[in-house]
C-alpha atoms as a PDB file:
ATOM      1  CA  MET A   1      10.341  30.258 -17.730  1.00  0.00           C
ATOM      2  CA  LYS A   2       7.332  28.072 -16.828  1.00  0.00           C
ATOM      3  CA  VAL A   3       6.752  24.679 -15.254  1.00  0.00           C
ATOM      4  CA  THR A   4       4.830  22.784 -17.923  1.00  0.00           C
ATOM      5  CA  SER A   5       4.227  19.534 -16.016  1.00  0.00           C
ATOM      6  CA  ILE A   6       4.953  17.565 -12.861  1.00  0.00           C
ATOM      7  CA  ASP A   7       4.573  13.806 -13.249  1.00  0.00           C
ATOM      8  CA  PRO A   8       3.023  12.245 -11.308  1.00  0.00           C
ATOM      9  CA  ALA A   9       1.002  15.047  -9.794  1.00  0.00           C
ATOM     10  CA  VAL A  10       0.872  13.409  -6.345  1.00  0.00           C
ATOM     11  CA  ALA A  11       3.797  12.223  -4.232  1.00  0.00           C
ATOM     12  CA  LEU A  12       4.912  10.981  -0.846  1.00  0.00           C
ATOM     13  CA  PRO A  13       8.170  11.999   0.847  1.00  0.00           C
ATOM     14  CA  GLY A  14      11.003  10.097  -0.811  1.00  0.00           C
ATOM     15  CA  GLY A  15       9.135   9.710  -4.095  1.00  0.00           C
ATOM     16  CA  LEU A  16      10.612  10.780  -7.435  1.00  0.00           C
ATOM     17  CA  VAL A  17       8.727  13.190  -9.708  1.00  0.00           C
ATOM     18  CA  ARG A  18       9.664  14.580 -13.106  1.00  0.00           C
ATOM     19  CA  VAL A  19       9.507  18.390 -13.262  1.00  0.00           C
ATOM     20  CA  THR A  20       9.464  19.761 -16.812  1.00  0.00           C
ATOM     21  CA  VAL A  21      10.007  23.411 -17.770  1.00  0.00           C
ATOM     22  CA  ASP A  22       9.588  25.182 -21.100  1.00  0.00           C
ATOM     23  CA  GLU A  23      13.242  25.943 -21.740  1.00  0.00           C
ATOM     24  CA  GLU A  24      16.664  24.308 -21.531  1.00  0.00           C
ATOM     25  CA  LEU A  25      18.405  24.739 -18.166  1.00  0.00           C
ATOM     26  CA  ASP A  26      21.827  23.827 -16.860  1.00  0.00           C
ATOM     27  CA  PRO A  27      21.204  21.274 -14.077  1.00  0.00           C
ATOM     28  CA  THR A  28      24.469  22.240 -12.340  1.00  0.00           C
ATOM     29  CA  ARG A  29      23.067  25.738 -11.764  1.00  0.00           C
ATOM     30  CA  THR A  30      19.438  24.802 -11.106  1.00  0.00           C
ATOM     31  CA  GLU A  31      17.828  24.774  -7.672  1.00  0.00           C
ATOM     32  CA  VAL A  32      14.517  23.040  -6.948  1.00  0.00           C
ATOM     33  CA  LYS A  33      12.503  23.442  -3.760  1.00  0.00           C
ATOM     34  CA  VAL A  34       9.294  21.752  -2.654  1.00  0.00           C
ATOM     35  CA  GLY A  35       7.663  23.995  -0.082  1.00  0.00           C
ATOM     36  CA  ALA A  36      10.541  25.597   1.770  1.00  0.00           C
ATOM     37  CA  MET A  37      12.702  22.469   1.542  1.00  0.00           C
ATOM     38  CA  PRO A  38      15.491  21.912  -1.015  1.00  0.00           C
ATOM     39  CA  ALA A  39      14.724  18.916  -3.233  1.00  0.00           C
ATOM     40  CA  GLU A  40      17.494  16.653  -4.451  1.00  0.00           C
ATOM     41  CA  ILE A  41      17.916  16.558  -8.238  1.00  0.00           C
ATOM     42  CA  VAL A  42      18.787  12.943  -9.042  1.00  0.00           C
ATOM     43  CA  GLY A  43      18.700  13.232 -12.836  1.00  0.00           C
ATOM     44  CA  ALA A  44      18.195  15.680 -15.687  1.00  0.00           C
ATOM     45  CA  ALA A  45      17.472  15.425 -19.396  1.00  0.00           C
ATOM     46  CA  HIS A  46      16.625  18.217 -21.855  1.00  0.00           C
ATOM     47  CA  ARG A  47      14.054  20.348 -20.013  1.00  0.00           C
ATOM     48  CA  SER A  48      13.175  17.824 -17.294  1.00  0.00           C
ATOM     49  CA  PHE A  49      14.502  17.231 -13.801  1.00  0.00           C
ATOM     50  CA  LEU A  50      14.036  14.089 -11.753  1.00  0.00           C
ATOM     51  CA  VAL A  51      13.474  15.332  -8.203  1.00  0.00           C
ATOM     52  CA  ARG A  52      13.205  13.515  -4.869  1.00  0.00           C
ATOM     53  CA  VAL A  53      10.359  14.941  -2.792  1.00  0.00           C
ATOM     54  CA  PRO A  54      11.425  16.018   0.726  1.00  0.00           C
ATOM     55  CA  GLU A  55       9.270  15.883   3.849  1.00  0.00           C
ATOM     56  CA  THR A  56       7.130  18.986   3.624  1.00  0.00           C
ATOM     57  CA  LEU A  57       3.481  19.968   3.977  1.00  0.00           C
ATOM     58  CA  SER A  58       3.501  22.367   1.024  1.00  0.00           C
ATOM     59  CA  GLY A  59       3.189  21.223  -2.567  1.00  0.00           C
ATOM     60  CA  ASP A  60       4.584  24.394  -4.140  1.00  0.00           C
ATOM     61  CA  VAL A  61       7.473  23.494  -6.452  1.00  0.00           C
ATOM     62  CA  LEU A  62      10.009  26.228  -7.208  1.00  0.00           C
ATOM     63  CA  VAL A  63      12.552  25.885 -10.019  1.00  0.00           C
ATOM     64  CA  LYS A  64      15.227  28.573  -9.929  1.00  0.00           C
ATOM     65  CA  GLN A  65      18.276  29.405 -12.053  1.00  0.00           C
ATOM     66  CA  ASP A  66      20.227  32.628 -12.528  1.00  0.00           C
ATOM     67  CA  GLY A  67      17.436  34.819 -11.179  1.00  0.00           C
ATOM     68  CA  GLN A  68      14.691  33.111 -13.187  1.00  0.00           C
ATOM     69  CA  GLU A  69      11.920  31.302 -11.329  1.00  0.00           C
ATOM     70  CA  ALA A  70       9.098  28.966 -12.262  1.00  0.00           C
ATOM     71  CA  ILE A  71       6.408  27.596  -9.951  1.00  0.00           C
ATOM     72  CA  GLY A  72       4.336  24.416 -10.120  1.00  0.00           C
ATOM     73  CA  THR A  73       2.259  22.346  -7.708  1.00  0.00           C
ATOM     74  CA  VAL A  74       2.323  18.716  -6.596  1.00  0.00           C
ATOM     75  CA  GLY A  75      -0.002  17.040  -4.118  1.00  0.00           C
ATOM     76  CA  ILE A  76       1.986  15.967  -1.060  1.00  0.00           C
ATOM     77  CA  GLY A  77       1.267  13.188   1.409  1.00  0.00           C
ATOM     78  CA  ARG A  78       2.532  13.498   4.950  1.00  0.00           C
ATOM     79  CA  VAL A  79       3.914  11.150   7.545  1.00  0.00           C
ATOM     80  CA  PHE A  80       1.019  10.263   9.842  1.00  0.00           C
ATOM     81  CA  ALA A  81       2.640   7.730  12.198  1.00  0.00           C
ATOM     82  CA  GLU A  82       6.077   6.175  12.619  1.00  0.00           C
ATOM     83  CA  GLU A  83       7.890   3.314  14.369  1.00  0.00           C
ATOM     84  CA  LEU A  84       5.748   0.651  12.713  1.00  0.00           C
ATOM     85  CA  HIS A  85       6.436  -2.462  10.648  1.00  0.00           C
ATOM     86  CA  PRO A  86       3.587  -3.110   8.216  1.00  0.00           C
ATOM     87  CA  VAL A  87       3.727  -6.101   5.896  1.00  0.00           C
ATOM     88  CA  GLY A  88       0.292  -5.564   4.356  1.00  0.00           C
ATOM     89  CA  ASN A  89      -2.553  -3.090   4.008  1.00  0.00           C
ATOM     90  CA  PRO A  90      -3.709  -1.030   6.979  1.00  0.00           C
ATOM     91  CA  VAL A  91      -7.467  -0.955   7.598  1.00  0.00           C
ATOM     92  CA  VAL A  92      -9.851   1.838   8.622  1.00  0.00           C
ATOM     93  CA  ASP A  93     -12.952   1.506  10.776  1.00  0.00           C
ATOM     94  CA  ASP A  94     -16.202   3.467  10.444  1.00  0.00           C
ATOM     95  CA  PHE A  95     -14.919   6.141  12.822  1.00  0.00           C
ATOM     96  CA  GLY A  96     -11.801   6.821  10.761  1.00  0.00           C
ATOM     97  CA  ASN A  97      -9.353   5.020  13.045  1.00  0.00           C
ATOM     98  CA  VAL A  98      -6.499   3.318  11.197  1.00  0.00           C
ATOM     99  CA  TYR A  99      -5.116  -0.060  12.273  1.00  0.00           C
ATOM    100  CA  VAL A 100      -1.576  -0.995  11.290  1.00  0.00           C
ATOM    101  CA  THR A 101       0.956  -3.600  12.395  1.00  0.00           C
ATOM    102  CA  LEU A 102       4.361  -3.685  13.975  1.00  0.00           C
ATOM    103  CA  SER A 103       5.081  -7.155  12.658  1.00  0.00           C
ATOM    104  CA  GLY A 104       8.682  -7.759  13.700  1.00  0.00           C
ATOM    105  CA  SER A 105      11.193 -10.215  12.287  1.00  0.00           C
ATOM    106  CA  ARG A 106      10.408 -13.908  12.000  1.00  0.00           C
ATOM    107  CA  GLY A 107       9.338 -15.303  15.360  1.00  0.00           C
ATOM    108  CA  GLU A 108       9.931 -12.012  17.163  1.00  0.00           C
ATOM    109  CA  GLU A 109       7.516 -11.270  19.992  1.00  0.00           C
ATOM    110  CA  VAL A 110       6.882  -7.556  20.397  1.00  0.00           C
ATOM    111  CA  PRO A 111       4.853  -6.010  23.261  1.00  0.00           C
ATOM    112  CA  PHE A 112       2.220  -4.707  20.833  1.00  0.00           C
ATOM    113  CA  GLY A 113       1.834  -5.964  17.293  1.00  0.00           C
ATOM    114  CA  VAL A 114      -1.174  -3.894  16.207  1.00  0.00           C
ATOM    115  CA  PHE A 115      -1.542  -0.142  16.718  1.00  0.00           C
ATOM    116  CA  VAL A 116      -4.475   2.184  16.165  1.00  0.00           C
ATOM    117  CA  VAL A 117      -4.023   5.711  14.832  1.00  0.00           C
ATOM    118  CA  SER A 118      -6.841   8.193  15.388  1.00  0.00           C
ATOM    119  CA  PRO A 119      -8.071  10.537  12.619  1.00  0.00           C
ATOM    120  CA  SER A 120      -5.976  13.276  14.249  1.00  0.00           C
ATOM    121  CA  GLY A 121      -2.799  11.165  14.124  1.00  0.00           C
ATOM    122  CA  SER A 122      -2.541   9.930  17.713  1.00  0.00           C
ATOM    123  CA  LYS A 123      -0.981   6.438  17.773  1.00  0.00           C
ATOM    124  CA  GLN A 124      -1.888   4.005  20.567  1.00  0.00           C
ATOM    125  CA  PRO A 125      -1.199   0.286  21.181  1.00  0.00           C
ATOM    126  CA  PHE A 126      -4.170  -1.879  20.269  1.00  0.00           C
ATOM    127  CA  LEU A 127      -3.284  -5.592  20.435  1.00  0.00           C
ATOM    128  CA  GLY A 128      -0.397  -7.567  21.927  1.00  0.00           C
ATOM    129  CA  ASP A 129       0.467 -11.270  22.135  1.00  0.00           C
ATOM    130  CA  ILE A 130       0.153 -11.946  18.405  1.00  0.00           C
ATOM    131  CA  VAL A 131       3.457 -13.126  16.922  1.00  0.00           C
ATOM    132  CA  ASN A 132       4.257 -11.588  13.527  1.00  0.00           C
ATOM    133  CA  PRO A 133       0.853  -9.988  12.794  1.00  0.00           C
ATOM    134  CA  SER A 134       0.663  -9.631   9.025  1.00  0.00           C
ATOM    135  CA  GLY A 135      -2.723  -9.275   7.338  1.00  0.00           C
ATOM    136  CA  LEU A 136      -5.567  -7.124   8.634  1.00  0.00           C
ATOM    137  CA  ALA A 137      -9.239  -6.995   7.680  1.00  0.00           C
ATOM    138  CA  ILE A 138     -12.473  -5.743   9.195  1.00  0.00           C
ATOM    139  CA  GLY A 139     -15.204  -8.332   8.870  1.00  0.00           C
ATOM    140  CA  PRO A 140     -18.930  -7.950   8.197  1.00  0.00           C
ATOM    141  CA  ASP A 141     -19.406  -8.717  11.902  1.00  0.00           C
ATOM    142  CA  GLY A 142     -17.623  -5.472  12.753  1.00  0.00           C
ATOM    143  CA  MET A 143     -14.597  -7.231  14.207  1.00  0.00           C
ATOM    144  CA  ILE A 144     -10.956  -6.888  13.203  1.00  0.00           C
ATOM    145  CA  TYR A 145      -9.152  -9.967  11.877  1.00  0.00           C
ATOM    146  CA  VAL A 146      -5.376 -10.394  12.166  1.00  0.00           C
ATOM    147  CA  SER A 147      -3.229 -13.112  10.615  1.00  0.00           C
ATOM    148  CA  SER A 148      -0.041 -14.457  12.200  1.00  0.00           C
ATOM    149  CA  ARG A 149       2.374 -15.645   9.547  1.00  0.00           C
ATOM    150  CA  HIS A 150       4.485 -17.325  12.223  1.00  0.00           C
ATOM    151  CA  LEU A 151       1.691 -19.545  13.539  1.00  0.00           C
ATOM    152  CA  GLY A 152      -0.635 -19.847  10.536  1.00  0.00           C
ATOM    153  CA  VAL A 153      -3.471 -18.525  12.673  1.00  0.00           C
ATOM    154  CA  VAL A 154      -6.080 -15.836  12.108  1.00  0.00           C
ATOM    155  CA  TYR A 155      -7.281 -14.067  15.253  1.00  0.00           C
ATOM    156  CA  ARG A 156     -10.494 -12.117  15.692  1.00  0.00           C
ATOM    157  CA  SER A 157     -10.831  -9.132  18.001  1.00  0.00           C
ATOM    158  CA  THR A 158     -13.589  -6.802  19.029  1.00  0.00           C
ATOM    159  CA  PHE A 159     -12.704  -3.129  19.033  1.00  0.00           C
ATOM    160  CA  ASP A 160     -12.502  -3.267  22.830  1.00  0.00           C
ATOM    161  CA  ARG A 161      -9.633  -5.774  22.467  1.00  0.00           C
ATOM    162  CA  GLN A 162     -11.382  -9.066  23.237  1.00  0.00           C
ATOM    163  CA  VAL A 163      -9.295 -11.518  21.179  1.00  0.00           C
ATOM    164  CA  GLU A 164      -9.971 -15.110  20.161  1.00  0.00           C
ATOM    165  CA  LYS A 165      -8.411 -17.595  17.761  1.00  0.00           C
ATOM    166  CA  PHE A 166     -10.683 -17.713  14.712  1.00  0.00           C
ATOM    167  CA  VAL A 167      -9.010 -20.344  12.501  1.00  0.00           C
ATOM    168  CA  GLU A 168      -5.638 -22.086  12.395  1.00  0.00           C
ATOM    169  CA  GLY A 169      -3.572 -24.379  10.182  1.00  0.00           C
ATOM    170  CA  LEU A 170      -3.278 -21.886   7.315  1.00  0.00           C
ATOM    171  CA  GLY A 171       0.436 -22.178   6.531  1.00  0.00           C
ATOM    172  CA  ILE A 172       2.276 -18.858   6.397  1.00  0.00           C
ATOM    173  CA  ALA A 173      -0.869 -16.762   6.711  1.00  0.00           C
ATOM    174  CA  THR A 174      -0.499 -13.211   5.398  1.00  0.00           C
ATOM    175  CA  GLY A 175      -3.055 -11.177   3.397  1.00  0.00           C
ATOM    176  CA  LEU A 176      -6.738 -11.109   4.356  1.00  0.00           C
ATOM    177  CA  ALA A 177      -9.943 -10.034   2.611  1.00  0.00           C
ATOM    178  CA  PHE A 178     -13.682 -10.750   2.830  1.00  0.00           C
ATOM    179  CA  ASP A 179     -16.043 -11.573  -0.028  1.00  0.00           C
ATOM    180  CA  SER A 180     -19.687 -10.493  -0.265  1.00  0.00           C
ATOM    181  CA  GLU A 181     -20.873 -13.662   1.506  1.00  0.00           C
ATOM    182  CA  GLY A 182     -18.758 -12.955   4.585  1.00  0.00           C
ATOM    183  CA  ARG A 183     -16.174 -15.606   3.781  1.00  0.00           C
ATOM    184  CA  LEU A 184     -12.623 -14.816   4.814  1.00  0.00           C
ATOM    185  CA  LEU A 185      -9.920 -15.198   2.168  1.00  0.00           C
ATOM    186  CA  VAL A 186      -6.450 -15.901   3.533  1.00  0.00           C
ATOM    187  CA  GLY A 187      -3.210 -15.806   1.567  1.00  0.00           C
ATOM    188  CA  ASP A 188      -0.740 -18.505   2.599  1.00  0.00           C
ATOM    189  CA  ARG A 189       2.427 -17.189   1.012  1.00  0.00           C
ATOM    190  CA  SER A 190       3.775 -20.715   0.523  1.00  0.00           C
ATOM    191  CA  GLY A 191       1.320 -21.083  -2.350  1.00  0.00           C
ATOM    192  CA  ARG A 192      -2.346 -21.276  -1.370  1.00  0.00           C
ATOM    193  CA  ILE A 193      -5.399 -19.085  -0.991  1.00  0.00           C
ATOM    194  CA  TYR A 194      -7.786 -20.386   1.651  1.00  0.00           C
ATOM    195  CA  ARG A 195     -11.478 -19.547   1.881  1.00  0.00           C
ATOM    196  CA  VAL A 196     -12.933 -19.711   5.383  1.00  0.00           C
ATOM    197  CA  ALA A 197     -16.690 -19.833   5.893  1.00  0.00           C
ATOM    198  CA  PRO A 198     -18.392 -18.017   8.788  1.00  0.00           C
ATOM    199  CA  ASP A 199     -18.613 -21.396  10.583  1.00  0.00           C
ATOM    200  CA  ARG A 200     -14.768 -21.477  10.446  1.00  0.00           C
ATOM    201  CA  THR A 201     -14.439 -24.353   7.986  1.00  0.00           C
ATOM    202  CA  ALA A 202     -11.577 -23.745   5.566  1.00  0.00           C
ATOM    203  CA  GLU A 203     -10.990 -24.914   2.023  1.00  0.00           C
ATOM    204  CA  VAL A 204      -8.248 -24.297  -0.535  1.00  0.00           C
ATOM    205  CA  LEU A 205      -9.628 -21.930  -3.160  1.00  0.00           C
ATOM    206  CA  CYS A 206      -6.588 -22.070  -5.452  1.00  0.00           C
ATOM    207  CA  GLU A 207      -2.837 -22.497  -5.636  1.00  0.00           C
ATOM    208  CA  LEU A 208      -0.380 -19.859  -6.864  1.00  0.00           C
ATOM    209  CA  GLU A 209       3.346 -19.247  -7.075  1.00  0.00           C
ATOM    210  CA  PRO A 210       4.891 -18.982  -3.587  1.00  0.00           C
ATOM    211  CA  SER A 211       5.919 -15.510  -2.446  1.00  0.00           C
ATOM    212  CA  ILE A 212       9.158 -14.497  -0.758  1.00  0.00           C
ATOM    213  CA  SER A 213       7.340 -12.017   1.478  1.00  0.00           C
ATOM    214  CA  ALA A 214       3.528 -12.010   1.594  1.00  0.00           C
ATOM    215  CA  TYR A 215       0.336 -12.386  -0.373  1.00  0.00           C
ATOM    216  CA  HIS A 216      -1.778  -9.244  -0.678  1.00  0.00           C
ATOM    217  CA  LEU A 217      -5.509  -9.559  -1.421  1.00  0.00           C
ATOM    218  CA  ALA A 218      -8.357  -7.359  -2.612  1.00  0.00           C
ATOM    219  CA  VAL A 219     -11.873  -8.388  -3.602  1.00  0.00           C
ATOM    220  CA  GLY A 220     -13.356  -6.615  -6.609  1.00  0.00           C
ATOM    221  CA  PRO A 221     -16.707  -6.607  -8.424  1.00  0.00           C
ATOM    222  CA  GLY A 222     -18.347  -9.997  -8.795  1.00  0.00           C
ATOM    223  CA  ASP A 223     -16.401 -11.326  -5.808  1.00  0.00           C
ATOM    224  CA  VAL A 224     -13.338 -11.674  -8.009  1.00  0.00           C
ATOM    225  CA  LEU A 225     -10.171 -11.868  -5.927  1.00  0.00           C
ATOM    226  CA  TYR A 226      -6.989 -10.044  -6.955  1.00  0.00           C
ATOM    227  CA  VAL A 227      -3.690 -11.235  -5.526  1.00  0.00           C
ATOM    228  CA  THR A 228      -0.079 -10.102  -5.534  1.00  0.00           C
ATOM    229  CA  GLY A 229       2.890 -11.896  -4.005  1.00  0.00           C
ATOM    230  CA  PRO A 230       6.440 -10.758  -4.752  1.00  0.00           C
ATOM    231  CA  THR A 231       8.828 -13.457  -5.973  1.00  0.00           C
ATOM    232  CA  LEU A 232      12.469 -13.450  -7.042  1.00  0.00           C
ATOM    233  CA  ALA A 233      11.441 -12.689 -10.628  1.00  0.00           C
ATOM    234  CA  SER A 234      12.135  -9.260 -12.110  1.00  0.00           C
ATOM    235  CA  GLN A 235       8.473  -8.990 -13.139  1.00  0.00           C
ATOM    236  CA  ASP A 236       5.556 -10.343 -11.130  1.00  0.00           C
ATOM    237  CA  ALA A 237       1.874 -10.868 -11.807  1.00  0.00           C
ATOM    238  CA  VAL A 238      -1.351  -9.517 -10.438  1.00  0.00           C
ATOM    239  CA  TRP A 239      -3.480 -12.667 -10.284  1.00  0.00           C
ATOM    240  CA  ARG A 240      -7.230 -12.782 -10.809  1.00  0.00           C
ATOM    241  CA  VAL A 241      -9.195 -15.577  -9.102  1.00  0.00           C
ATOM    242  CA  ASP A 242     -12.916 -16.139  -9.657  1.00  0.00           C
ATOM    243  CA  ARG A 243     -15.386 -17.563  -7.143  1.00  0.00           C
ATOM    244  CA  ASP A 244     -14.705 -21.101  -8.391  1.00  0.00           C
ATOM    245  CA  GLY A 245     -10.958 -20.817  -7.909  1.00  0.00           C
ATOM    246  CA  ASN A 246     -10.041 -20.380 -11.561  1.00  0.00           C
ATOM    247  CA  VAL A 247      -6.822 -18.392 -11.889  1.00  0.00           C
ATOM    248  CA  GLU A 248      -5.615 -16.074 -14.636  1.00  0.00           C
ATOM    249  CA  VAL A 249      -2.942 -13.415 -14.966  1.00  0.00           C
ATOM    250  CA  PHE A 250      -4.656 -10.039 -14.819  1.00  0.00           C
ATOM    251  CA  PHE A 251      -1.456  -8.050 -15.400  1.00  0.00           C
ATOM    252  CA  ARG A 252       2.235  -8.910 -15.484  1.00  0.00           C
ATOM    253  CA  GLY A 253       5.086  -6.437 -15.424  1.00  0.00           C
ATOM    254  CA  PHE A 254       5.232  -4.907 -11.959  1.00  0.00           C
ATOM    255  CA  GLY A 255       8.329  -5.242  -9.831  1.00  0.00           C
ATOM    256  CA  ARG A 256       7.597  -6.385  -6.286  1.00  0.00           C
ATOM    257  CA  PRO A 257       3.841  -5.645  -6.340  1.00  0.00           C
ATOM    258  CA  GLN A 258       2.373  -5.597  -2.857  1.00  0.00           C
ATOM    259  CA  GLY A 259      -0.692  -3.850  -1.399  1.00  0.00           C
ATOM    260  CA  LEU A 260      -3.938  -3.676  -3.383  1.00  0.00           C
ATOM    261  CA  ALA A 261      -7.102  -1.610  -3.046  1.00  0.00           C
ATOM    262  CA  PHE A 262      -9.979  -0.486  -5.254  1.00  0.00           C
ATOM    263  CA  ASP A 263     -10.698   3.234  -5.512  1.00  0.00           C
ATOM    264  CA  SER A 264     -14.133   4.872  -5.623  1.00  0.00           C
ATOM    265  CA  GLU A 265     -14.303   4.390  -9.407  1.00  0.00           C
ATOM    266  CA  GLY A 266     -13.469   0.703  -9.286  1.00  0.00           C
ATOM    267  CA  ARG A 267      -9.865   1.010 -10.450  1.00  0.00           C
ATOM    268  CA  LEU A 268      -7.357  -1.378  -8.946  1.00  0.00           C
ATOM    269  CA  CYS A 269      -4.545   0.485  -7.151  1.00  0.00           C
ATOM    270  CA  VAL A 270      -1.267  -1.386  -6.685  1.00  0.00           C
ATOM    271  CA  ALA A 271       1.786  -0.499  -4.590  1.00  0.00           C
ATOM    272  CA  ALA A 272       4.700  -1.535  -6.800  1.00  0.00           C
ATOM    273  CA  SER A 273       7.516  -0.484  -9.080  1.00  0.00           C
ATOM    274  CA  TYR A 274       7.113  -0.281 -12.837  1.00  0.00           C
ATOM    275  CA  ARG A 275       9.717   0.560 -15.448  1.00  0.00           C
ATOM    276  CA  GLY A 276      11.981   2.128 -12.861  1.00  0.00           C
ATOM    277  CA  TRP A 277       9.275   4.125 -11.076  1.00  0.00           C
ATOM    278  CA  LYS A 278       8.028   3.375  -7.564  1.00  0.00           C
ATOM    279  CA  GLY A 279       4.764   4.245  -5.875  1.00  0.00           C
ATOM    280  CA  ILE A 280       1.104   3.497  -6.540  1.00  0.00           C
ATOM    281  CA  PHE A 281      -0.226   2.580  -9.965  1.00  0.00           C
ATOM    282  CA  ARG A 282      -3.834   2.372 -11.127  1.00  0.00           C
ATOM    283  CA  LEU A 283      -5.144  -0.321 -13.431  1.00  0.00           C
ATOM    284  CA  GLU A 284      -8.368   0.005 -15.374  1.00  0.00           C
ATOM    285  CA  GLY A 285      -8.911  -3.288 -17.106  1.00  0.00           C
ATOM    286  CA  LYS A 286      -5.688  -4.681 -18.541  1.00  0.00           C
ATOM    287  CA  GLU A 287      -4.520  -1.399 -20.002  1.00  0.00           C
ATOM    288  CA  GLU A 288      -1.158   0.235 -19.313  1.00  0.00           C
ATOM    289  CA  PRO A 289      -0.873   1.182 -15.613  1.00  0.00           C
ATOM    290  CA  GLU A 290      -1.305   4.830 -14.702  1.00  0.00           C
ATOM    291  CA  TYR A 291       1.501   6.149 -12.510  1.00  0.00           C
ATOM    292  CA  TRP A 292      -0.649   7.828  -9.886  1.00  0.00           C
ATOM    293  CA  ILE A 293       1.441   8.507  -6.762  1.00  0.00           C
ATOM    294  CA  ALA A 294       5.225   8.686  -6.463  1.00  0.00           C
ATOM    295  CA  GLY A 295       6.647   7.135  -3.326  1.00  0.00           C
ATOM    296  CA  PRO A 296       9.348   4.956  -1.833  1.00  0.00           C
ATOM    297  CA  MET A 297       8.957   1.175  -1.942  1.00  0.00           C
ATOM    298  CA  LEU A 298       5.446   0.873  -0.509  1.00  0.00           C
ATOM    299  CA  VAL A 299       3.817  -2.076   1.213  1.00  0.00           C
ATOM    300  CA  GLY A 300       0.092  -1.338   1.451  1.00  0.00           C
ATOM    301  CA  LEU A 301      -2.747   1.131   1.105  1.00  0.00           C
ATOM    302  CA  THR A 302      -6.370   1.657   2.065  1.00  0.00           C
ATOM    303  CA  PHE A 303      -9.073   4.292   1.608  1.00  0.00           C
ATOM    304  CA  SER A 304     -11.193   5.819   4.344  1.00  0.00           C
ATOM    305  CA  PRO A 305     -14.905   4.908   4.220  1.00  0.00           C
ATOM    306  CA  ASP A 306     -15.768   8.344   2.763  1.00  0.00           C
ATOM    307  CA  TRP A 307     -12.984   8.048   0.125  1.00  0.00           C
ATOM    308  CA  ARG A 308     -11.518  11.392   1.195  1.00  0.00           C
ATOM    309  CA  ARG A 309      -8.364   9.952   2.673  1.00  0.00           C
ATOM    310  CA  LEU A 310      -5.809   7.484   1.376  1.00  0.00           C
ATOM    311  CA  TYR A 311      -3.536   5.802   3.898  1.00  0.00           C
ATOM    312  CA  VAL A 312      -0.304   4.292   2.603  1.00  0.00           C
ATOM    313  CA  VAL A 313       2.414   2.332   4.412  1.00  0.00           C
ATOM    314  CA  ASP A 314       6.014   1.484   3.725  1.00  0.00           C
ATOM    315  CA  SER A 315       8.080  -0.789   5.963  1.00  0.00           C
ATOM    316  CA  GLY A 316       8.121   1.692   8.847  1.00  0.00           C
ATOM    317  CA  ARG A 317       5.665   4.534   8.377  1.00  0.00           C
ATOM    318  CA  LEU A 318       2.011   5.359   7.816  1.00  0.00           C
ATOM    319  CA  TYR A 319       1.341   8.223   5.366  1.00  0.00           C
ATOM    320  CA  LEU A 320      -1.817  10.239   4.783  1.00  0.00           C
ATOM    321  CA  LEU A 321      -2.979  11.729   1.486  1.00  0.00           C
ATOM    322  CA  GLU A 322      -6.060  13.952   1.356  1.00  0.00           C
ATOM    323  CA  ILE A 323      -7.809  13.162  -1.947  1.00  0.00           C
END
């Protein structure tokens, strides 16, 4: 007996992967382990098993039945920090420190709304006194920008925690991103994308469908902006917005698409569900998405400056994948 494939080949704890072997097995007598941990079999068909990945540091997959064994390998992400509440992408500074929010429920004031996690995994409070911090971005000025969806304000902080109000009056301000000219793009989930110049003057770049949770932004080649914002529809769009504010559907078909990021090869990575699968999908042009990483319902993602690490968040945890 042999493991012929594991799809996808990378997973986070809680993600579902399909393990396929080269012969028919009885799922009632089959045991699957990932590392030393038993993995729940949630479905089976022909020679394939749908397996939920447990929390483990080893990617060795063992399929066992009646004395027969087969071994495969899956890349495993690990929990890097907990007790968080992200609603958008984390961000990473030049030293490898990761910034992530504890956003809280609507109007809730928490002691610290932004935390910093060192490259070794040590989590420390970073900023307080921001109600419902949502979007994060590091600007060309080397400062960290934080949106408050409760107040419609974007704050700016130095890395030694000197905070000021940068711009206000931006509706339900959520996702943030910068273009190549240093202009801040702000997603107002009630239906607008604002563009804020370095002198703090704001204009409406475009209008989109309102989102029930948040807008998520990523700037790609040519300063083209890509936007997601989950709605009540069963299938949502990834929007493409050019520098002049012209809007088109880049891809439609994801369920609850959220965080966006471009990888080192310029592919757009989206945290979403698609055709029953959940995790991170890669888009190259408008072709069929590639199911890249299995995971739970994810909120955001970001790459380290050297592209060797991928940080992913769900509604309570920060995960690390070495890539």
